[in-house]
Amino acid sequence: MIRLEKASSKDALNNLINLGEFVISQIETVPNLMNFLLFNPGVIQVYSHNLDDHSFGFLTLTHQILHDLIKQRGLTEPESALFIKMWAFIQGYGALIANGAVTYNRKLLLLSATQLIGGK
């Protein structure tokens, strides 16, 4: 079972990279399950709502991290636009890795996230 915890760091960019790394590793190791979870509208509640007192729903956690990132970095871009950019990159990068086109590189993930985010 895939389990998410609340963000552990005060640094939102670090939390975003950790979340991206988690998603990418899941896409790489259990691609069929991730395709089912990410692209099946019938199971959106599984990753959009809190599952219990100790875990956050996936989308709730993602939006929390992006909200913190916008505050910490003084960004003016709407959270919805930032969400789309980051989500599209993480899914695309994960698909490339899962299909053997590239290998995972945390530095590339950090650089790409920083460039997509912009700001200070």
PDB file of N, CA and C in Angstrom:
ATOM      1  N   MET A   1       0.834  -1.171   0.000  1.00  0.00           N
ATOM      2  CA  MET A   1       0.000   0.000   0.000  1.00  0.00           C
ATOM      3  C   MET A   1       0.890   1.250   0.000  1.00  0.00           C
ATOM      4  N   ILE A   2       0.515   2.226  -0.767  1.00  0.00           N
ATOM      5  CA  ILE A   2       1.251   3.474  -0.826  1.00  0.00           C
ATOM      6  C   ILE A   2       0.771   4.349   0.318  1.00  0.00           C
ATOM      7  N   ARG A   3       1.698   4.863   1.096  1.00  0.00           N
ATOM      8  CA  ARG A   3       1.340   5.661   2.264  1.00  0.00           C
ATOM      9  C   ARG A   3       2.133   6.951   2.257  1.00  0.00           C
ATOM     10  N   LEU A   4       1.443   8.056   2.478  1.00  0.00           N
ATOM     11  CA  LEU A   4       2.083   9.365   2.536  1.00  0.00           C
ATOM     12  C   LEU A   4       1.971   9.929   3.940  1.00  0.00           C
ATOM     13  N   GLU A   5       2.982  10.614   4.347  1.00  0.00           N
ATOM     14  CA  GLU A   5       2.999  11.278   5.642  1.00  0.00           C
ATOM     15  C   GLU A   5       3.025  12.787   5.424  1.00  0.00           C
ATOM     16  N   LYS A   6       2.701  13.537   6.464  1.00  0.00           N
ATOM     17  CA  LYS A   6       2.815  14.983   6.397  1.00  0.00           C
ATOM     18  C   LYS A   6       4.246  15.365   6.059  1.00  0.00           C
ATOM     19  N   ALA A   7       4.393  16.513   5.404  1.00  0.00           N
ATOM     20  CA  ALA A   7       5.729  16.996   5.052  1.00  0.00           C
ATOM     21  C   ALA A   7       6.558  17.135   6.321  1.00  0.00           C
ATOM     22  N   SER A   8       7.804  16.651   6.267  1.00  0.00           N
ATOM     23  CA  SER A   8       8.623  16.609   7.474  1.00  0.00           C
ATOM     24  C   SER A   8       9.563  17.789   7.625  1.00  0.00           C
ATOM     25  N   SER A   9       9.836  18.487   6.551  1.00  0.00           N
ATOM     26  CA  SER A   9      10.796  19.581   6.585  1.00  0.00           C
ATOM     27  C   SER A   9      10.071  20.920   6.578  1.00  0.00           C
ATOM     28  N   LYS A  10      10.719  21.941   7.091  1.00  0.00           N
ATOM     29  CA  LYS A  10      10.163  23.296   7.016  1.00  0.00           C
ATOM     30  C   LYS A  10      10.425  23.907   5.646  1.00  0.00           C
ATOM     31  N   ASP A  11      11.370  23.340   4.886  1.00  0.00           N
ATOM     32  CA  ASP A  11      11.726  23.838   3.564  1.00  0.00           C
ATOM     33  C   ASP A  11      10.789  23.222   2.526  1.00  0.00           C
ATOM     34  N   ALA A  12       9.910  24.042   1.962  1.00  0.00           N
ATOM     35  CA  ALA A  12       8.898  23.551   1.030  1.00  0.00           C
ATOM     36  C   ALA A  12       9.514  22.963  -0.237  1.00  0.00           C
ATOM     37  N   LEU A  13      10.605  23.541  -0.735  1.00  0.00           N
ATOM     38  CA  LEU A  13      11.236  22.989  -1.931  1.00  0.00           C
ATOM     39  C   LEU A  13      11.757  21.583  -1.654  1.00  0.00           C
ATOM     40  N   ASN A  14      12.361  21.369  -0.510  1.00  0.00           N
ATOM     41  CA  ASN A  14      12.828  20.036  -0.133  1.00  0.00           C
ATOM     42  C   ASN A  14      11.652  19.064  -0.038  1.00  0.00           C
ATOM     43  N   ASN A  15      10.546  19.509   0.542  1.00  0.00           N
ATOM     44  CA  ASN A  15       9.361  18.659   0.633  1.00  0.00           C
ATOM     45  C   ASN A  15       8.813  18.324  -0.753  1.00  0.00           C
ATOM     46  N   LEU A  16       8.838  19.294  -1.653  1.00  0.00           N
ATOM     47  CA  LEU A  16       8.367  19.058  -3.011  1.00  0.00           C
ATOM     48  C   LEU A  16       9.254  18.041  -3.725  1.00  0.00           C
ATOM     49  N   ILE A  17      10.558  18.176  -3.575  1.00  0.00           N
ATOM     50  CA  ILE A  17      11.489  17.230  -4.190  1.00  0.00           C
ATOM     51  C   ILE A  17      11.279  15.837  -3.600  1.00  0.00           C
ATOM     52  N   ASN A  18      11.111  15.739  -2.301  1.00  0.00           N
ATOM     53  CA  ASN A  18      10.868  14.435  -1.663  1.00  0.00           C
ATOM     54  C   ASN A  18       9.565  13.813  -2.159  1.00  0.00           C
ATOM     55  N   LEU A  19       8.523  14.634  -2.301  1.00  0.00           N
ATOM     56  CA  LEU A  19       7.251  14.137  -2.816  1.00  0.00           C
ATOM     57  C   LEU A  19       7.415  13.670  -4.262  1.00  0.00           C
ATOM     58  N   GLY A  20       8.102  14.469  -5.069  1.00  0.00           N
ATOM     59  CA  GLY A  20       8.348  14.084  -6.454  1.00  0.00           C
ATOM     60  C   GLY A  20       9.137  12.795  -6.536  1.00  0.00           C
ATOM     61  N   GLU A  21      10.139  12.680  -5.696  1.00  0.00           N
ATOM     62  CA  GLU A  21      10.965  11.471  -5.659  1.00  0.00           C
ATOM     63  C   GLU A  21      10.127  10.255  -5.268  1.00  0.00           C
ATOM     64  N   PHE A  22       9.230  10.434  -4.321  1.00  0.00           N
ATOM     65  CA  PHE A  22       8.343   9.346  -3.906  1.00  0.00           C
ATOM     66  C   PHE A  22       7.453   8.908  -5.070  1.00  0.00           C
ATOM     67  N   VAL A  23       6.829   9.869  -5.740  1.00  0.00           N
ATOM     68  CA  VAL A  23       5.931   9.546  -6.852  1.00  0.00           C
ATOM     69  C   VAL A  23       6.706   8.850  -7.971  1.00  0.00           C
ATOM     70  N   ILE A  24       7.859   9.397  -8.307  1.00  0.00           N
ATOM     71  CA  ILE A  24       8.677   8.810  -9.368  1.00  0.00           C
ATOM     72  C   ILE A  24       9.084   7.383  -9.011  1.00  0.00           C
ATOM     73  N   SER A  25       9.466   7.153  -7.762  1.00  0.00           N
ATOM     74  CA  SER A  25       9.868   5.792  -7.374  1.00  0.00           C
ATOM     75  C   SER A  25       8.686   4.830  -7.462  1.00  0.00           C
ATOM     76  N   GLN A  26       7.490   5.315  -7.137  1.00  0.00           N
ATOM     77  CA  GLN A  26       6.302   4.468  -7.244  1.00  0.00           C
ATOM     78  C   GLN A  26       5.958   4.185  -8.709  1.00  0.00           C
ATOM     79  N   ILE A  27       6.090   5.199  -9.562  1.00  0.00           N
ATOM     80  CA  ILE A  27       5.843   4.997 -10.997  1.00  0.00           C
ATOM     81  C   ILE A  27       6.830   3.980 -11.558  1.00  0.00           C
ATOM     82  N   GLU A  28       8.060   4.039 -11.073  1.00  0.00           N
ATOM     83  CA  GLU A  28       9.097   3.128 -11.556  1.00  0.00           C
ATOM     84  C   GLU A  28       8.879   1.700 -11.060  1.00  0.00           C
ATOM     85  N   THR A  29       8.504   1.542  -9.793  1.00  0.00           N
ATOM     86  CA  THR A  29       8.426   0.203  -9.209  1.00  0.00           C
ATOM     87  C   THR A  29       7.064  -0.472  -9.377  1.00  0.00           C
ATOM     88  N   VAL A  30       5.998   0.315  -9.373  1.00  0.00           N
ATOM     89  CA  VAL A  30       4.651  -0.255  -9.543  1.00  0.00           C
ATOM     90  C   VAL A  30       3.878   0.570 -10.579  1.00  0.00           C
ATOM     91  N   PRO A  31       4.335   0.547 -11.838  1.00  0.00           N
ATOM     92  CA  PRO A  31       3.725   1.420 -12.846  1.00  0.00           C
ATOM     93  C   PRO A  31       2.244   1.147 -13.096  1.00  0.00           C
ATOM     94  N   ASN A  32       1.820  -0.101 -13.067  1.00  0.00           N
ATOM     95  CA  ASN A  32       0.407  -0.389 -13.311  1.00  0.00           C
ATOM     96  C   ASN A  32      -0.476   0.164 -12.196  1.00  0.00           C
ATOM     97  N   LEU A  33      -0.032   0.025 -10.971  1.00  0.00           N
ATOM     98  CA  LEU A  33      -0.785   0.575  -9.853  1.00  0.00           C
ATOM     99  C   LEU A  33      -0.852   2.093  -9.944  1.00  0.00           C
ATOM    100  N   MET A  34       0.254   2.725 -10.271  1.00  0.00           N
ATOM    101  CA  MET A  34       0.259   4.186 -10.364  1.00  0.00           C
ATOM    102  C   MET A  34      -0.605   4.671 -11.521  1.00  0.00           C
ATOM    103  N   ASN A  35      -0.578   3.972 -12.647  1.00  0.00           N
ATOM    104  CA  ASN A  35      -1.477   4.336 -13.743  1.00  0.00           C
ATOM    105  C   ASN A  35      -2.929   4.238 -13.298  1.00  0.00           C
ATOM    106  N   PHE A  36      -3.245   3.187 -12.573  1.00  0.00           N
ATOM    107  CA  PHE A  36      -4.601   3.004 -12.063  1.00  0.00           C
ATOM    108  C   PHE A  36      -4.979   4.144 -11.112  1.00  0.00           C
ATOM    109  N   LEU A  37      -4.087   4.482 -10.180  1.00  0.00           N
ATOM    110  CA  LEU A  37      -4.390   5.518  -9.198  1.00  0.00           C
ATOM    111  C   LEU A  37      -4.423   6.917  -9.797  1.00  0.00           C
ATOM    112  N   LEU A  38      -3.492   7.213 -10.690  1.00  0.00           N
ATOM    113  CA  LEU A  38      -3.362   8.582 -11.195  1.00  0.00           C
ATOM    114  C   LEU A  38      -4.328   8.910 -12.324  1.00  0.00           C
ATOM    115  N   PHE A  39      -4.781   7.910 -13.050  1.00  0.00           N
ATOM    116  CA  PHE A  39      -5.589   8.183 -14.235  1.00  0.00           C
ATOM    117  C   PHE A  39      -6.970   7.558 -14.208  1.00  0.00           C
ATOM    118  N   ASN A  40      -7.401   7.094 -13.066  1.00  0.00           N
ATOM    119  CA  ASN A  40      -8.711   6.477 -12.933  1.00  0.00           C
ATOM    120  C   ASN A  40      -9.594   7.387 -12.083  1.00  0.00           C
ATOM    121  N   PRO A  41     -10.574   8.062 -12.699  1.00  0.00           N
ATOM    122  CA  PRO A  41     -11.407   9.001 -11.930  1.00  0.00           C
ATOM    123  C   PRO A  41     -12.213   8.328 -10.821  1.00  0.00           C
ATOM    124  N   GLY A  42     -12.394   7.031 -10.907  1.00  0.00           N
ATOM    125  CA  GLY A  42     -13.159   6.320  -9.886  1.00  0.00           C
ATOM    126  C   GLY A  42     -12.449   6.172  -8.560  1.00  0.00           C
ATOM    127  N   VAL A  43     -11.132   6.393  -8.528  1.00  0.00           N
ATOM    128  CA  VAL A  43     -10.384   6.217  -7.281  1.00  0.00           C
ATOM    129  C   VAL A  43      -9.776   7.521  -6.777  1.00  0.00           C
ATOM    130  N   ILE A  44     -10.239   8.647  -7.277  1.00  0.00           N
ATOM    131  CA  ILE A  44      -9.632   9.917  -6.881  1.00  0.00           C
ATOM    132  C   ILE A  44      -9.722  10.151  -5.369  1.00  0.00           C
ATOM    133  N   GLN A  45     -10.744   9.624  -4.705  1.00  0.00           N
ATOM    134  CA  GLN A  45     -10.847   9.797  -3.252  1.00  0.00           C
ATOM    135  C   GLN A  45      -9.671   9.159  -2.527  1.00  0.00           C
ATOM    136  N   VAL A  46      -9.092   8.116  -3.106  1.00  0.00           N
ATOM    137  CA  VAL A  46      -7.969   7.426  -2.461  1.00  0.00           C
ATOM    138  C   VAL A  46      -6.803   8.382  -2.257  1.00  0.00           C
ATOM    139  N   TYR A  47      -6.560   9.259  -3.210  1.00  0.00           N
ATOM    140  CA  TYR A  47      -5.410  10.140  -3.072  1.00  0.00           C
ATOM    141  C   TYR A  47      -5.766  11.601  -2.868  1.00  0.00           C
ATOM    142  N   SER A  48      -7.045  11.904  -2.746  1.00  0.00           N
ATOM    143  CA  SER A  48      -7.385  13.302  -2.542  1.00  0.00           C
ATOM    144  C   SER A  48      -7.837  13.629  -1.124  1.00  0.00           C
ATOM    145  N   HIS A  49      -8.123  12.643  -0.319  1.00  0.00           N
ATOM    146  CA  HIS A  49      -8.597  12.886   1.044  1.00  0.00           C
ATOM    147  C   HIS A  49      -7.704  12.190   2.054  1.00  0.00           C
ATOM    148  N   ASN A  50      -7.729  12.684   3.276  1.00  0.00           N
ATOM    149  CA  ASN A  50      -6.968  12.050   4.347  1.00  0.00           C
ATOM    150  C   ASN A  50      -7.478  10.623   4.539  1.00  0.00           C
ATOM    151  N   LEU A  51      -6.540   9.710   4.672  1.00  0.00           N
ATOM    152  CA  LEU A  51      -6.916   8.314   4.838  1.00  0.00           C
ATOM    153  C   LEU A  51      -7.094   7.940   6.304  1.00  0.00           C
ATOM    154  N   ASP A  52      -6.345   8.579   7.179  1.00  0.00           N
ATOM    155  CA  ASP A  52      -6.474   8.357   8.615  1.00  0.00           C
ATOM    156  C   ASP A  52      -5.823   9.533   9.330  1.00  0.00           C
ATOM    157  N   ASP A  53      -5.701   9.465  10.628  1.00  0.00           N
ATOM    158  CA  ASP A  53      -5.148  10.578  11.399  1.00  0.00           C
ATOM    159  C   ASP A  53      -3.665  10.816  11.135  1.00  0.00           C
ATOM    160  N   HIS A  54      -2.972   9.850  10.570  1.00  0.00           N
ATOM    161  CA  HIS A  54      -1.527   9.950  10.400  1.00  0.00           C
ATOM    162  C   HIS A  54      -1.081  10.235   8.982  1.00  0.00           C
ATOM    163  N   SER A  55      -1.967  10.118   8.024  1.00  0.00           N
ATOM    164  CA  SER A  55      -1.562  10.319   6.638  1.00  0.00           C
ATOM    165  C   SER A  55      -2.400  11.413   5.996  1.00  0.00           C
ATOM    166  N   PHE A  56      -1.834  12.022   4.997  1.00  0.00           N
ATOM    167  CA  PHE A  56      -2.519  13.050   4.236  1.00  0.00           C
ATOM    168  C   PHE A  56      -2.930  12.459   2.903  1.00  0.00           C
ATOM    169  N   GLY A  57      -4.052  12.930   2.377  1.00  0.00           N
ATOM    170  CA  GLY A  57      -4.381  12.588   1.015  1.00  0.00           C
ATOM    171  C   GLY A  57      -3.317  13.165   0.098  1.00  0.00           C
ATOM    172  N   PHE A  58      -3.047  12.495  -0.983  1.00  0.00           N
ATOM    173  CA  PHE A  58      -1.976  12.894  -1.879  1.00  0.00           C
ATOM    174  C   PHE A  58      -2.154  14.318  -2.402  1.00  0.00           C
ATOM    175  N   LEU A  59      -3.344  14.647  -2.873  1.00  0.00           N
ATOM    176  CA  LEU A  59      -3.554  15.993  -3.397  1.00  0.00           C
ATOM    177  C   LEU A  59      -3.533  17.041  -2.297  1.00  0.00           C
ATOM    178  N   THR A  60      -4.038  16.703  -1.134  1.00  0.00           N
ATOM    179  CA  THR A  60      -3.984  17.621   0.005  1.00  0.00           C
ATOM    180  C   THR A  60      -2.545  17.946   0.347  1.00  0.00           C
ATOM    181  N   LEU A  61      -1.717  16.917   0.419  1.00  0.00           N
ATOM    182  CA  LEU A  61      -0.298  17.103   0.728  1.00  0.00           C
ATOM    183  C   LEU A  61       0.397  17.928  -0.353  1.00  0.00           C
ATOM    184  N   THR A  62       0.121  17.626  -1.610  1.00  0.00           N
ATOM    185  CA  THR A  62       0.734  18.365  -2.713  1.00  0.00           C
ATOM    186  C   THR A  62       0.379  19.844  -2.640  1.00  0.00           C
ATOM    187  N   HIS A  63      -0.882  20.147  -2.437  1.00  0.00           N
ATOM    188  CA  HIS A  63      -1.304  21.548  -2.358  1.00  0.00           C
ATOM    189  C   HIS A  63      -0.738  22.247  -1.120  1.00  0.00           C
ATOM    190  N   GLN A  64      -0.607  21.529  -0.014  1.00  0.00           N
ATOM    191  CA  GLN A  64       0.003  22.109   1.187  1.00  0.00           C
ATOM    192  C   GLN A  64       1.444  22.517   0.894  1.00  0.00           C
ATOM    193  N   ILE A  65       2.183  21.626   0.246  1.00  0.00           N
ATOM    194  CA  ILE A  65       3.581  21.913  -0.080  1.00  0.00           C
ATOM    195  C   ILE A  65       3.669  23.090  -1.034  1.00  0.00           C
ATOM    196  N   LEU A  66       2.834  23.126  -2.066  1.00  0.00           N
ATOM    197  CA  LEU A  66       2.868  24.241  -3.017  1.00  0.00           C
ATOM    198  C   LEU A  66       2.488  25.557  -2.354  1.00  0.00           C
ATOM    199  N   HIS A  67       1.511  25.527  -1.469  1.00  0.00           N
ATOM    200  CA  HIS A  67       1.126  26.735  -0.720  1.00  0.00           C
ATOM    201  C   HIS A  67       2.314  27.250   0.093  1.00  0.00           C
ATOM    202  N   ASP A  68       2.994  26.351   0.793  1.00  0.00           N
ATOM    203  CA  ASP A  68       4.169  26.732   1.579  1.00  0.00           C
ATOM    204  C   ASP A  68       5.282  27.265   0.678  1.00  0.00           C
ATOM    205  N   LEU A  69       5.460  26.644  -0.465  1.00  0.00           N
ATOM    206  CA  LEU A  69       6.496  27.059  -1.412  1.00  0.00           C
ATOM    207  C   LEU A  69       6.234  28.473  -1.918  1.00  0.00           C
ATOM    208  N   ILE A  70       5.004  28.773  -2.241  1.00  0.00           N
ATOM    209  CA  ILE A  70       4.639  30.112  -2.712  1.00  0.00           C
ATOM    210  C   ILE A  70       4.932  31.148  -1.636  1.00  0.00           C
ATOM    211  N   LYS A  71       4.585  30.836  -0.384  1.00  0.00           N
ATOM    212  CA  LYS A  71       4.866  31.757   0.724  1.00  0.00           C
ATOM    213  C   LYS A  71       6.359  31.935   0.944  1.00  0.00           C
ATOM    214  N   GLN A  72       7.086  30.825   1.009  1.00  0.00           N
ATOM    215  CA  GLN A  72       8.522  30.875   1.321  1.00  0.00           C
ATOM    216  C   GLN A  72       9.325  31.570   0.235  1.00  0.00           C
ATOM    217  N   ARG A  73       8.918  31.416  -0.999  1.00  0.00           N
ATOM    218  CA  ARG A  73       9.691  31.972  -2.114  1.00  0.00           C
ATOM    219  C   ARG A  73       9.116  33.269  -2.648  1.00  0.00           C
ATOM    220  N   GLY A  74       8.034  33.755  -2.060  1.00  0.00           N
ATOM    221  CA  GLY A  74       7.434  35.001  -2.511  1.00  0.00           C
ATOM    222  C   GLY A  74       6.963  34.951  -3.958  1.00  0.00           C
ATOM    223  N   LEU A  75       6.387  33.819  -4.354  1.00  0.00           N
ATOM    224  CA  LEU A  75       5.953  33.641  -5.739  1.00  0.00           C
ATOM    225  C   LEU A  75       4.626  34.347  -5.986  1.00  0.00           C
ATOM    226  N   THR A  76       4.441  34.808  -7.194  1.00  0.00           N
ATOM    227  CA  THR A  76       3.182  35.464  -7.563  1.00  0.00           C
ATOM    228  C   THR A  76       2.325  34.571  -8.453  1.00  0.00           C
ATOM    229  N   GLU A  77       2.890  33.492  -8.936  1.00  0.00           N
ATOM    230  CA  GLU A  77       2.148  32.573  -9.799  1.00  0.00           C
ATOM    231  C   GLU A  77       1.049  31.882  -8.986  1.00  0.00           C
ATOM    232  N   PRO A  78      -0.139  31.743  -9.564  1.00  0.00           N
ATOM    233  CA  PRO A  78      -1.210  31.051  -8.833  1.00  0.00           C
ATOM    234  C   PRO A  78      -0.828  29.600  -8.528  1.00  0.00           C
ATOM    235  N   GLU A  79      -1.292  29.122  -7.394  1.00  0.00           N
ATOM    236  CA  GLU A  79      -0.995  27.746  -6.991  1.00  0.00           C
ATOM    237  C   GLU A  79      -1.471  26.752  -8.042  1.00  0.00           C
ATOM    238  N   SER A  80      -2.601  27.020  -8.673  1.00  0.00           N
ATOM    239  CA  SER A  80      -3.134  26.095  -9.680  1.00  0.00           C
ATOM    240  C   SER A  80      -2.180  25.949 -10.862  1.00  0.00           C
ATOM    241  N   ALA A  81      -1.561  27.036 -11.296  1.00  0.00           N
ATOM    242  CA  ALA A  81      -0.612  26.974 -12.415  1.00  0.00           C
ATOM    243  C   ALA A  81       0.655  26.225 -12.007  1.00  0.00           C
ATOM    244  N   LEU A  82       1.133  26.488 -10.810  1.00  0.00           N
ATOM    245  CA  LEU A  82       2.324  25.806 -10.305  1.00  0.00           C
ATOM    246  C   LEU A  82       2.058  24.303 -10.155  1.00  0.00           C
ATOM    247  N   PHE A  83       0.875  23.967  -9.688  1.00  0.00           N
ATOM    248  CA  PHE A  83       0.478  22.569  -9.539  1.00  0.00           C
ATOM    249  C   PHE A  83       0.546  21.850 -10.892  1.00  0.00           C
ATOM    250  N   ILE A  84      -0.009  22.454 -11.924  1.00  0.00           N
ATOM    251  CA  ILE A  84      -0.027  21.828 -13.248  1.00  0.00           C
ATOM    252  C   ILE A  84       1.391  21.628 -13.766  1.00  0.00           C
ATOM    253  N   LYS A  85       2.232  22.643 -13.639  1.00  0.00           N
ATOM    254  CA  LYS A  85       3.612  22.529 -14.118  1.00  0.00           C
ATOM    255  C   LYS A  85       4.367  21.416 -13.398  1.00  0.00           C
ATOM    256  N   MET A  86       4.283  21.401 -12.079  1.00  0.00           N
ATOM    257  CA  MET A  86       5.029  20.401 -11.310  1.00  0.00           C
ATOM    258  C   MET A  86       4.468  19.001 -11.537  1.00  0.00           C
ATOM    259  N   TRP A  87       3.153  18.887 -11.538  1.00  0.00           N
ATOM    260  CA  TRP A  87       2.512  17.588 -11.705  1.00  0.00           C
ATOM    261  C   TRP A  87       2.845  17.008 -13.078  1.00  0.00           C
ATOM    262  N   ALA A  88       2.786  17.836 -14.121  1.00  0.00           N
ATOM    263  CA  ALA A  88       3.092  17.363 -15.477  1.00  0.00           C
ATOM    264  C   ALA A  88       4.547  16.905 -15.565  1.00  0.00           C
ATOM    265  N   PHE A  89       5.466  17.663 -14.967  1.00  0.00           N
ATOM    266  CA  PHE A  89       6.870  17.277 -15.012  1.00  0.00           C
ATOM    267  C   PHE A  89       7.109  15.961 -14.273  1.00  0.00           C
ATOM    268  N   ILE A  90       6.588  15.846 -13.064  1.00  0.00           N
ATOM    269  CA  ILE A  90       6.822  14.642 -12.259  1.00  0.00           C
ATOM    270  C   ILE A  90       6.257  13.405 -12.952  1.00  0.00           C
ATOM    271  N   GLN A  91       5.044  13.512 -13.496  1.00  0.00           N
ATOM    272  CA  GLN A  91       4.467  12.357 -14.189  1.00  0.00           C
ATOM    273  C   GLN A  91       5.264  12.014 -15.449  1.00  0.00           C
ATOM    274  N   GLY A  92       5.631  13.021 -16.206  1.00  0.00           N
ATOM    275  CA  GLY A  92       6.396  12.775 -17.427  1.00  0.00           C
ATOM    276  C   GLY A  92       7.758  12.184 -17.142  1.00  0.00           C
ATOM    277  N   TYR A  93       8.452  12.738 -16.171  1.00  0.00           N
ATOM    278  CA  TYR A  93       9.775  12.229 -15.797  1.00  0.00           C
ATOM    279  C   TYR A  93       9.649  10.802 -15.277  1.00  0.00           C
ATOM    280  N   GLY A  94       8.639  10.562 -14.457  1.00  0.00           N
ATOM    281  CA  GLY A  94       8.402   9.213 -13.937  1.00  0.00           C
ATOM    282  C   GLY A  94       8.129   8.217 -15.053  1.00  0.00           C
ATOM    283  N   ALA A  95       7.370   8.616 -16.061  1.00  0.00           N
ATOM    284  CA  ALA A  95       7.075   7.730 -17.192  1.00  0.00           C
ATOM    285  C   ALA A  95       8.340   7.409 -17.980  1.00  0.00           C
ATOM    286  N   LEU A  96       9.191   8.412 -18.181  1.00  0.00           N
ATOM    287  CA  LEU A  96      10.460   8.168 -18.873  1.00  0.00           C
ATOM    288  C   LEU A  96      11.320   7.156 -18.109  1.00  0.00           C
ATOM    289  N   ILE A  97      11.366   7.304 -16.807  1.00  0.00           N
ATOM    290  CA  ILE A  97      12.151   6.396 -15.971  1.00  0.00           C
ATOM    291  C   ILE A  97      11.548   4.990 -16.002  1.00  0.00           C
ATOM    292  N   ALA A  98      10.235   4.906 -15.832  1.00  0.00           N
ATOM    293  CA  ALA A  98       9.561   3.607 -15.803  1.00  0.00           C
ATOM    294  C   ALA A  98       9.733   2.844 -17.115  1.00  0.00           C
ATOM    295  N   ASN A  99       9.832   3.574 -18.211  1.00  0.00           N
ATOM    296  CA  ASN A  99       9.986   2.936 -19.523  1.00  0.00           C
ATOM    297  C   ASN A  99      11.440   2.751 -19.929  1.00  0.00           C
ATOM    298  N   GLY A 100      12.360   3.057 -19.024  1.00  0.00           N
ATOM    299  CA  GLY A 100      13.771   2.813 -19.281  1.00  0.00           C
ATOM    300  C   GLY A 100      14.437   3.812 -20.218  1.00  0.00           C
ATOM    301  N   ALA A 101      13.774   4.928 -20.504  1.00  0.00           N
ATOM    302  CA  ALA A 101      14.349   5.924 -21.409  1.00  0.00           C
ATOM    303  C   ALA A 101      15.453   6.731 -20.730  1.00  0.00           C
ATOM    304  N   VAL A 102      15.324   6.945 -19.421  1.00  0.00           N
ATOM    305  CA  VAL A 102      16.321   7.674 -18.636  1.00  0.00           C
ATOM    306  C   VAL A 102      16.423   7.024 -17.267  1.00  0.00           C
ATOM    307  N   THR A 103      17.454   7.390 -16.510  1.00  0.00           N
ATOM    308  CA  THR A 103      17.564   6.937 -15.128  1.00  0.00           C
ATOM    309  C   THR A 103      17.309   8.119 -14.205  1.00  0.00           C
ATOM    310  N   TYR A 104      16.852   7.809 -13.016  1.00  0.00           N
ATOM    311  CA  TYR A 104      16.522   8.864 -12.057  1.00  0.00           C
ATOM    312  C   TYR A 104      17.771   9.620 -11.617  1.00  0.00           C
ATOM    313  N   ASN A 105      17.618  10.943 -11.503  1.00  0.00           N
ATOM    314  CA  ASN A 105      18.702  11.814 -11.063  1.00  0.00           C
ATOM    315  C   ASN A 105      18.087  12.897 -10.173  1.00  0.00           C
ATOM    316  N   ARG A 106      18.363  12.832  -8.868  1.00  0.00           N
ATOM    317  CA  ARG A 106      17.790  13.802  -7.926  1.00  0.00           C
ATOM    318  C   ARG A 106      18.215  15.225  -8.263  1.00  0.00           C
ATOM    319  N   LYS A 107      19.461  15.416  -8.713  1.00  0.00           N
ATOM    320  CA  LYS A 107      19.918  16.766  -9.062  1.00  0.00           C
ATOM    321  C   LYS A 107      19.105  17.334 -10.215  1.00  0.00           C
ATOM    322  N   LEU A 108      18.769  16.498 -11.187  1.00  0.00           N
ATOM    323  CA  LEU A 108      17.933  16.954 -12.301  1.00  0.00           C
ATOM    324  C   LEU A 108      16.540  17.327 -11.814  1.00  0.00           C
ATOM    325  N   LEU A 109      15.985  16.527 -10.908  1.00  0.00           N
ATOM    326  CA  LEU A 109      14.671  16.833 -10.347  1.00  0.00           C
ATOM    327  C   LEU A 109      14.707  18.180  -9.630  1.00  0.00           C
ATOM    328  N   LEU A 110      15.732  18.419  -8.817  1.00  0.00           N
ATOM    329  CA  LEU A 110      15.868  19.682  -8.094  1.00  0.00           C
ATOM    330  C   LEU A 110      16.041  20.856  -9.061  1.00  0.00           C
ATOM    331  N   LEU A 111      16.910  20.707 -10.044  1.00  0.00           N
ATOM    332  CA  LEU A 111      17.136  21.769 -11.021  1.00  0.00           C
ATOM    333  C   LEU A 111      15.865  22.076 -11.803  1.00  0.00           C
ATOM    334  N   SER A 112      15.177  21.043 -12.258  1.00  0.00           N
ATOM    335  CA  SER A 112      13.949  21.237 -13.025  1.00  0.00           C
ATOM    336  C   SER A 112      12.866  21.900 -12.186  1.00  0.00           C
ATOM    337  N   ALA A 113      12.708  21.451 -10.940  1.00  0.00           N
ATOM    338  CA  ALA A 113      11.711  22.062 -10.054  1.00  0.00           C
ATOM    339  C   ALA A 113      12.036  23.528  -9.819  1.00  0.00           C
ATOM    340  N   THR A 114      13.288  23.822  -9.577  1.00  0.00           N
ATOM    341  CA  THR A 114      13.699  25.207  -9.330  1.00  0.00           C
ATOM    342  C   THR A 114      13.426  26.078 -10.555  1.00  0.00           C
ATOM    343  N   GLN A 115      13.707  25.558 -11.742  1.00  0.00           N
ATOM    344  CA  GLN A 115      13.469  26.330 -12.961  1.00  0.00           C
ATOM    345  C   GLN A 115      11.972  26.506 -13.224  1.00  0.00           C
ATOM    346  N   LEU A 116      11.181  25.477 -12.954  1.00  0.00           N
ATOM    347  CA  LEU A 116       9.736  25.581 -13.158  1.00  0.00           C
ATOM    348  C   LEU A 116       9.097  26.558 -12.165  1.00  0.00           C
ATOM    349  N   ILE A 117       9.620  26.571 -10.967  1.00  0.00           N
ATOM    350  CA  ILE A 117       9.058  27.433  -9.913  1.00  0.00           C
ATOM    351  C   ILE A 117       9.383  28.887 -10.165  1.00  0.00           C
ATOM    352  N   GLY A 118      10.642  29.154 -10.519  1.00  0.00           N
ATOM    353  CA  GLY A 118      11.065  30.538 -10.699  1.00  0.00           C
ATOM    354  C   GLY A 118      11.149  31.246  -9.350  1.00  0.00           C
ATOM    355  N   GLY A 119      10.995  32.553  -9.342  1.00  0.00           N
ATOM    356  CA  GLY A 119      11.050  33.325  -8.101  1.00  0.00           C
ATOM    357  C   GLY A 119      12.466  33.446  -7.586  1.00  0.00           C
ATOM    358  N   LYS A 120      12.565  33.850  -6.319  1.00  0.00           N
ATOM    359  CA  LYS A 120      13.876  34.083  -5.720  1.00  0.00           C
ATOM    360  C   LYS A 120      14.556  32.834  -5.252  1.00  0.00           C
TER     361      LYS A 120
END
